[in-house]
PDB file of all heavy atoms in Angstrom:
ATOM      1  N   GLY A   1       0.814  -1.225   0.074  1.00  0.00           N
ATOM      2  CA  GLY A   1       0.015   0.085  -0.021  1.00  0.00           C
ATOM      3  C   GLY A   1       0.846   1.274   0.015  1.00  0.00           C
ATOM      4  O   GLY A   1       0.684   2.175  -0.821  1.00  0.00           O
ATOM      5  N   ALA A   2       1.868   1.275   0.896  1.00  0.00           N
ATOM      6  CA  ALA A   2       2.742   2.395   0.901  1.00  0.00           C
ATOM      7  C   ALA A   2       3.534   2.578  -0.351  1.00  0.00           C
ATOM      8  O   ALA A   2       3.721   3.690  -0.840  1.00  0.00           O
ATOM      9  CB  ALA A   2       3.689   2.281   2.123  1.00  0.00           C
ATOM     10  N   ALA A   3       3.982   1.444  -0.885  1.00  0.00           N
ATOM     11  CA  ALA A   3       4.752   1.490  -2.107  1.00  0.00           C
ATOM     12  C   ALA A   3       3.891   2.023  -3.302  1.00  0.00           C
ATOM     13  O   ALA A   3       4.404   2.814  -4.120  1.00  0.00           O
ATOM     14  CB  ALA A   3       5.291   0.166  -2.536  1.00  0.00           C
ATOM     15  N   LEU A   4       2.617   1.669  -3.362  1.00  0.00           N
ATOM     16  CA  LEU A   4       1.750   2.197  -4.420  1.00  0.00           C
ATOM     17  C   LEU A   4       1.568   3.681  -4.264  1.00  0.00           C
ATOM     18  O   LEU A   4       1.566   4.446  -5.250  1.00  0.00           O
ATOM     19  CB  LEU A   4       0.372   1.452  -4.345  1.00  0.00           C
ATOM     20  CG  LEU A   4       0.328   0.043  -4.910  1.00  0.00           C
ATOM     21  CD1 LEU A   4      -0.899  -0.741  -4.395  1.00  0.00           C
ATOM     22  CD2 LEU A   4       0.319   0.146  -6.422  1.00  0.00           C
ATOM     23  N   LEU A   5       1.378   4.139  -3.010  1.00  0.00           N
ATOM     24  CA  LEU A   5       1.222   5.601  -2.811  1.00  0.00           C
ATOM     25  C   LEU A   5       2.512   6.349  -3.194  1.00  0.00           C
ATOM     26  O   LEU A   5       2.402   7.446  -3.828  1.00  0.00           O
ATOM     27  CB  LEU A   5       0.866   5.857  -1.375  1.00  0.00           C
ATOM     28  CG  LEU A   5      -0.563   5.365  -0.996  1.00  0.00           C
ATOM     29  CD1 LEU A   5      -0.689   5.306   0.521  1.00  0.00           C
ATOM     30  CD2 LEU A   5      -1.605   6.302  -1.605  1.00  0.00           C
ATOM     31  N   ARG A   6       3.665   5.799  -2.897  1.00  0.00           N
ATOM     32  CA  ARG A   6       4.922   6.404  -3.317  1.00  0.00           C
ATOM     33  C   ARG A   6       5.043   6.437  -4.840  1.00  0.00           C
ATOM     34  O   ARG A   6       5.580   7.409  -5.423  1.00  0.00           O
ATOM     35  CB  ARG A   6       6.091   5.718  -2.708  1.00  0.00           C
ATOM     36  CG  ARG A   6       6.178   5.866  -1.151  1.00  0.00           C
ATOM     37  CD  ARG A   6       7.497   5.346  -0.621  1.00  0.00           C
ATOM     38  NE  ARG A   6       7.502   5.372   0.794  1.00  0.00           N
ATOM     39  CZ  ARG A   6       7.327   4.242   1.568  1.00  0.00           C
ATOM     40  NH1 ARG A   6       7.087   3.106   1.005  1.00  0.00           N
ATOM     41  NH2 ARG A   6       7.357   4.295   2.892  1.00  0.00           N
ATOM     42  N   ALA A   7       4.490   5.322  -5.484  1.00  0.00           N
ATOM     43  CA  ALA A   7       4.589   5.297  -6.949  1.00  0.00           C
ATOM     44  C   ALA A   7       3.780   6.403  -7.646  1.00  0.00           C
ATOM     45  O   ALA A   7       4.025   6.754  -8.826  1.00  0.00           O
ATOM     46  CB  ALA A   7       4.172   3.951  -7.358  1.00  0.00           C
ATOM     47  N   LEU A   8       2.704   6.877  -6.917  1.00  0.00           N
ATOM     48  CA  LEU A   8       1.869   7.995  -7.493  1.00  0.00           C
ATOM     49  C   LEU A   8       2.582   9.287  -7.376  1.00  0.00           C
ATOM     50  O   LEU A   8       2.185  10.280  -8.043  1.00  0.00           O
ATOM     51  CB  LEU A   8       0.611   8.035  -6.684  1.00  0.00           C
ATOM     52  CG  LEU A   8      -0.418   6.925  -6.929  1.00  0.00           C
ATOM     53  CD1 LEU A   8      -1.625   7.090  -5.999  1.00  0.00           C
ATOM     54  CD2 LEU A   8      -0.939   6.875  -8.329  1.00  0.00           C
ATOM     55  N   ASP A   9       3.580   9.414  -6.530  1.00  0.00           N
ATOM     56  CA  ASP A   9       4.209  10.675  -6.185  1.00  0.00           C
ATOM     57  C   ASP A   9       4.731  11.484  -7.370  1.00  0.00           C
ATOM     58  O   ASP A   9       4.345  12.591  -7.649  1.00  0.00           O
ATOM     59  CB  ASP A   9       5.337  10.483  -5.119  1.00  0.00           C
ATOM     60  CG  ASP A   9       5.239  11.510  -4.023  1.00  0.00           C
ATOM     61  OD1 ASP A   9       4.181  11.977  -3.671  1.00  0.00           O
ATOM     62  OD2 ASP A   9       6.298  11.829  -3.490  1.00  0.00           O
ATOM     63  N   GLU A  10       5.609  10.828  -8.069  1.00  0.00           N
ATOM     64  CA  GLU A  10       6.312  11.510  -9.235  1.00  0.00           C
ATOM     65  C   GLU A  10       5.292  11.805 -10.298  1.00  0.00           C
ATOM     66  O   GLU A  10       5.304  12.974 -10.852  1.00  0.00           O
ATOM     67  CB  GLU A  10       7.391  10.626  -9.759  1.00  0.00           C
ATOM     68  CG  GLU A  10       8.364  11.401 -10.747  1.00  0.00           C
ATOM     69  CD  GLU A  10       8.927  12.653 -10.147  1.00  0.00           C
ATOM     70  OE1 GLU A  10       9.231  12.742  -8.941  1.00  0.00           O
ATOM     71  OE2 GLU A  10       9.028  13.674 -10.950  1.00  0.00           O
ATOM     72  N   PRO A  11       4.381  10.894 -10.732  1.00  0.00           N
ATOM     73  CA  PRO A  11       3.405  11.217 -11.724  1.00  0.00           C
ATOM     74  C   PRO A  11       2.498  12.446 -11.316  1.00  0.00           C
ATOM     75  O   PRO A  11       2.111  13.276 -12.143  1.00  0.00           O
ATOM     76  CB  PRO A  11       2.567   9.975 -11.874  1.00  0.00           C
ATOM     77  CG  PRO A  11       3.496   8.912 -11.434  1.00  0.00           C
ATOM     78  CD  PRO A  11       4.367   9.441 -10.385  1.00  0.00           C
ATOM     79  N   MET A  12       2.121  12.494  -9.994  1.00  0.00           N
ATOM     80  CA  MET A  12       1.378  13.651  -9.509  1.00  0.00           C
ATOM     81  C   MET A  12       2.142  14.987  -9.679  1.00  0.00           C
ATOM     82  O   MET A  12       1.635  15.950 -10.172  1.00  0.00           O
ATOM     83  CB  MET A  12       0.955  13.444  -8.103  1.00  0.00           C
ATOM     84  CG  MET A  12      -0.202  12.455  -7.952  1.00  0.00           C
ATOM     85  SD  MET A  12      -1.148  12.598  -6.378  1.00  0.00           S
ATOM     86  CE  MET A  12       0.059  12.124  -5.139  1.00  0.00           C
ATOM     87  N   LYS A  13       3.441  14.949  -9.276  1.00  0.00           N
ATOM     88  CA  LYS A  13       4.271  16.112  -9.439  1.00  0.00           C
ATOM     89  C   LYS A  13       4.413  16.519 -10.854  1.00  0.00           C
ATOM     90  O   LYS A  13       4.324  17.714 -11.252  1.00  0.00           O
ATOM     91  CB  LYS A  13       5.596  15.928  -8.808  1.00  0.00           C
ATOM     92  CG  LYS A  13       5.584  15.832  -7.285  1.00  0.00           C
ATOM     93  CD  LYS A  13       6.995  15.545  -6.734  1.00  0.00           C
ATOM     94  CE  LYS A  13       6.953  15.524  -5.164  1.00  0.00           C
ATOM     95  NZ  LYS A  13       8.241  15.217  -4.609  1.00  0.00           N
ATOM     96  N   GLN A  14       4.562  15.573 -11.798  1.00  0.00           N
ATOM     97  CA  GLN A  14       4.689  15.817 -13.235  1.00  0.00           C
ATOM     98  C   GLN A  14       3.393  16.455 -13.768  1.00  0.00           C
ATOM     99  O   GLN A  14       3.444  17.193 -14.744  1.00  0.00           O
ATOM    100  CB  GLN A  14       5.060  14.559 -13.960  1.00  0.00           C
ATOM    101  CG  GLN A  14       6.438  14.043 -13.753  1.00  0.00           C
ATOM    102  CD  GLN A  14       6.829  12.791 -14.384  1.00  0.00           C
ATOM    103  OE1 GLN A  14       5.897  12.163 -15.076  1.00  0.00           O
ATOM    104  NE2 GLN A  14       8.003  12.256 -14.229  1.00  0.00           N
ATOM    105  N   ALA A  15       2.264  16.052 -13.190  1.00  0.00           N
ATOM    106  CA  ALA A  15       0.948  16.569 -13.576  1.00  0.00           C
ATOM    107  C   ALA A  15       0.621  17.955 -12.950  1.00  0.00           C
ATOM    108  O   ALA A  15      -0.383  18.511 -13.128  1.00  0.00           O
ATOM    109  CB  ALA A  15      -0.115  15.613 -13.275  1.00  0.00           C
ATOM    110  N   GLY A  16       1.600  18.527 -12.141  1.00  0.00           N
ATOM    111  CA  GLY A  16       1.418  19.778 -11.504  1.00  0.00           C
ATOM    112  C   GLY A  16       0.601  19.751 -10.308  1.00  0.00           C
ATOM    113  O   GLY A  16       0.191  20.821  -9.783  1.00  0.00           O
ATOM    114  N   VAL A  17       0.421  18.586  -9.694  1.00  0.00           N
ATOM    115  CA  VAL A  17      -0.316  18.443  -8.463  1.00  0.00           C
ATOM    116  C   VAL A  17       0.406  19.080  -7.247  1.00  0.00           C
ATOM    117  O   VAL A  17       1.632  18.849  -7.109  1.00  0.00           O
ATOM    118  CB  VAL A  17      -0.695  16.974  -8.109  1.00  0.00           C
ATOM    119  CG1 VAL A  17      -1.097  16.728  -6.702  1.00  0.00           C
ATOM    120  CG2 VAL A  17      -1.658  16.470  -9.117  1.00  0.00           C
ATOM    121  N   ALA A  18      -0.248  19.903  -6.423  1.00  0.00           N
ATOM    122  CA  ALA A  18       0.429  20.468  -5.315  1.00  0.00           C
ATOM    123  C   ALA A  18      -0.034  19.960  -4.015  1.00  0.00           C
ATOM    124  O   ALA A  18       0.750  19.824  -2.991  1.00  0.00           O
ATOM    125  CB  ALA A  18       0.112  22.020  -5.300  1.00  0.00           C
ATOM    126  N   VAL A  19      -1.339  19.468  -3.879  1.00  0.00           N
ATOM    127  CA  VAL A  19      -1.842  18.828  -2.698  1.00  0.00           C
ATOM    128  C   VAL A  19      -2.561  17.601  -3.018  1.00  0.00           C
ATOM    129  O   VAL A  19      -2.970  17.391  -4.158  1.00  0.00           O
ATOM    130  CB  VAL A  19      -2.748  19.893  -1.899  1.00  0.00           C
ATOM    131  CG1 VAL A  19      -2.001  21.151  -1.500  1.00  0.00           C
ATOM    132  CG2 VAL A  19      -4.042  20.192  -2.749  1.00  0.00           C
ATOM    133  N   SER A  20      -2.825  16.731  -1.967  1.00  0.00           N
ATOM    134  CA  SER A  20      -3.486  15.452  -2.244  1.00  0.00           C
ATOM    135  C   SER A  20      -4.385  15.165  -1.080  1.00  0.00           C
ATOM    136  O   SER A  20      -4.010  14.840  -0.023  1.00  0.00           O
ATOM    137  CB  SER A  20      -2.463  14.311  -2.355  1.00  0.00           C
ATOM    138  OG  SER A  20      -3.127  13.135  -2.592  1.00  0.00           O
ATOM    139  N   PRO A  21      -5.734  15.234  -1.339  1.00  0.00           N
ATOM    140  CA  PRO A  21      -6.757  14.831  -0.314  1.00  0.00           C
ATOM    141  C   PRO A  21      -7.147  13.381  -0.446  1.00  0.00           C
ATOM    142  O   PRO A  21      -7.008  12.836  -1.571  1.00  0.00           O
ATOM    143  CB  PRO A  21      -7.935  15.734  -0.660  1.00  0.00           C
ATOM    144  CG  PRO A  21      -7.841  15.888  -2.126  1.00  0.00           C
ATOM    145  CD  PRO A  21      -6.440  15.941  -2.503  1.00  0.00           C
ATOM    146  N   LEU A  22      -7.641  12.817   0.609  1.00  0.00           N
ATOM    147  CA  LEU A  22      -8.156  11.459   0.525  1.00  0.00           C
ATOM    148  C   LEU A  22      -9.047  11.188   1.725  1.00  0.00           C
ATOM    149  O   LEU A  22      -8.946  11.885   2.764  1.00  0.00           O
ATOM    150  CB  LEU A  22      -7.038  10.400   0.484  1.00  0.00           C
ATOM    151  CG  LEU A  22      -5.920  10.338   1.606  1.00  0.00           C
ATOM    152  CD1 LEU A  22      -6.475   9.620   2.866  1.00  0.00           C
ATOM    153  CD2 LEU A  22      -4.725   9.638   1.122  1.00  0.00           C
ATOM    154  N   TRP A  23      -9.878  10.165   1.612  1.00  0.00           N
ATOM    155  CA  TRP A  23     -10.706   9.663   2.716  1.00  0.00           C
ATOM    156  C   TRP A  23     -10.068   8.338   3.134  1.00  0.00           C
ATOM    157  O   TRP A  23     -10.180   7.335   2.371  1.00  0.00           O
ATOM    158  CB  TRP A  23     -12.142   9.452   2.252  1.00  0.00           C
ATOM    159  CG  TRP A  23     -12.915  10.735   1.928  1.00  0.00           C
ATOM    160  CD1 TRP A  23     -12.990  11.357   0.720  1.00  0.00           C
ATOM    161  CD2 TRP A  23     -13.577  11.585   2.868  1.00  0.00           C
ATOM    162  NE1 TRP A  23     -13.776  12.467   0.800  1.00  0.00           N
ATOM    163  CE2 TRP A  23     -14.110  12.676   2.087  1.00  0.00           C
ATOM    164  CE3 TRP A  23     -13.840  11.511   4.220  1.00  0.00           C
ATOM    165  CZ2 TRP A  23     -14.846  13.687   2.735  1.00  0.00           C
ATOM    166  CZ3 TRP A  23     -14.547  12.483   4.783  1.00  0.00           C
ATOM    167  CH2 TRP A  23     -15.059  13.534   4.085  1.00  0.00           C
ATOM    168  N   PRO A  24      -9.455   8.259   4.291  1.00  0.00           N
ATOM    169  CA  PRO A  24      -8.686   7.053   4.668  1.00  0.00           C
ATOM    170  C   PRO A  24      -9.564   5.938   5.277  1.00  0.00           C
ATOM    171  O   PRO A  24     -10.587   6.208   5.927  1.00  0.00           O
ATOM    172  CB  PRO A  24      -7.693   7.569   5.715  1.00  0.00           C
ATOM    173  CG  PRO A  24      -8.544   8.666   6.385  1.00  0.00           C
ATOM    174  CD  PRO A  24      -9.393   9.279   5.281  1.00  0.00           C
ATOM    175  N   SER A  25      -9.152   4.681   4.952  1.00  0.00           N
ATOM    176  CA  SER A  25      -9.737   3.557   5.656  1.00  0.00           C
ATOM    177  C   SER A  25      -8.965   3.329   6.953  1.00  0.00           C
ATOM    178  O   SER A  25      -9.445   2.684   7.876  1.00  0.00           O
ATOM    179  CB  SER A  25      -9.772   2.314   4.819  1.00  0.00           C
ATOM    180  OG  SER A  25      -8.392   2.078   4.301  1.00  0.00           O
ATOM    181  N   THR A  26      -7.720   3.793   7.004  1.00  0.00           N
ATOM    182  CA  THR A  26      -6.877   3.687   8.172  1.00  0.00           C
ATOM    183  C   THR A  26      -6.001   4.877   8.259  1.00  0.00           C
ATOM    184  O   THR A  26      -5.516   5.385   7.198  1.00  0.00           O
ATOM    185  CB  THR A  26      -6.046   2.393   8.140  1.00  0.00           C
ATOM    186  OG1 THR A  26      -5.260   2.286   9.345  1.00  0.00           O
ATOM    187  CG2 THR A  26      -5.150   2.269   6.916  1.00  0.00           C
TER     188      THR A  26
END
């Protein structure tokens, strides 16, 4: 789970993302 979230990091930055909201299950 943590590795998948880290894998989203660089693509989000490349897309110009500055913040990331979520509704957590934990």
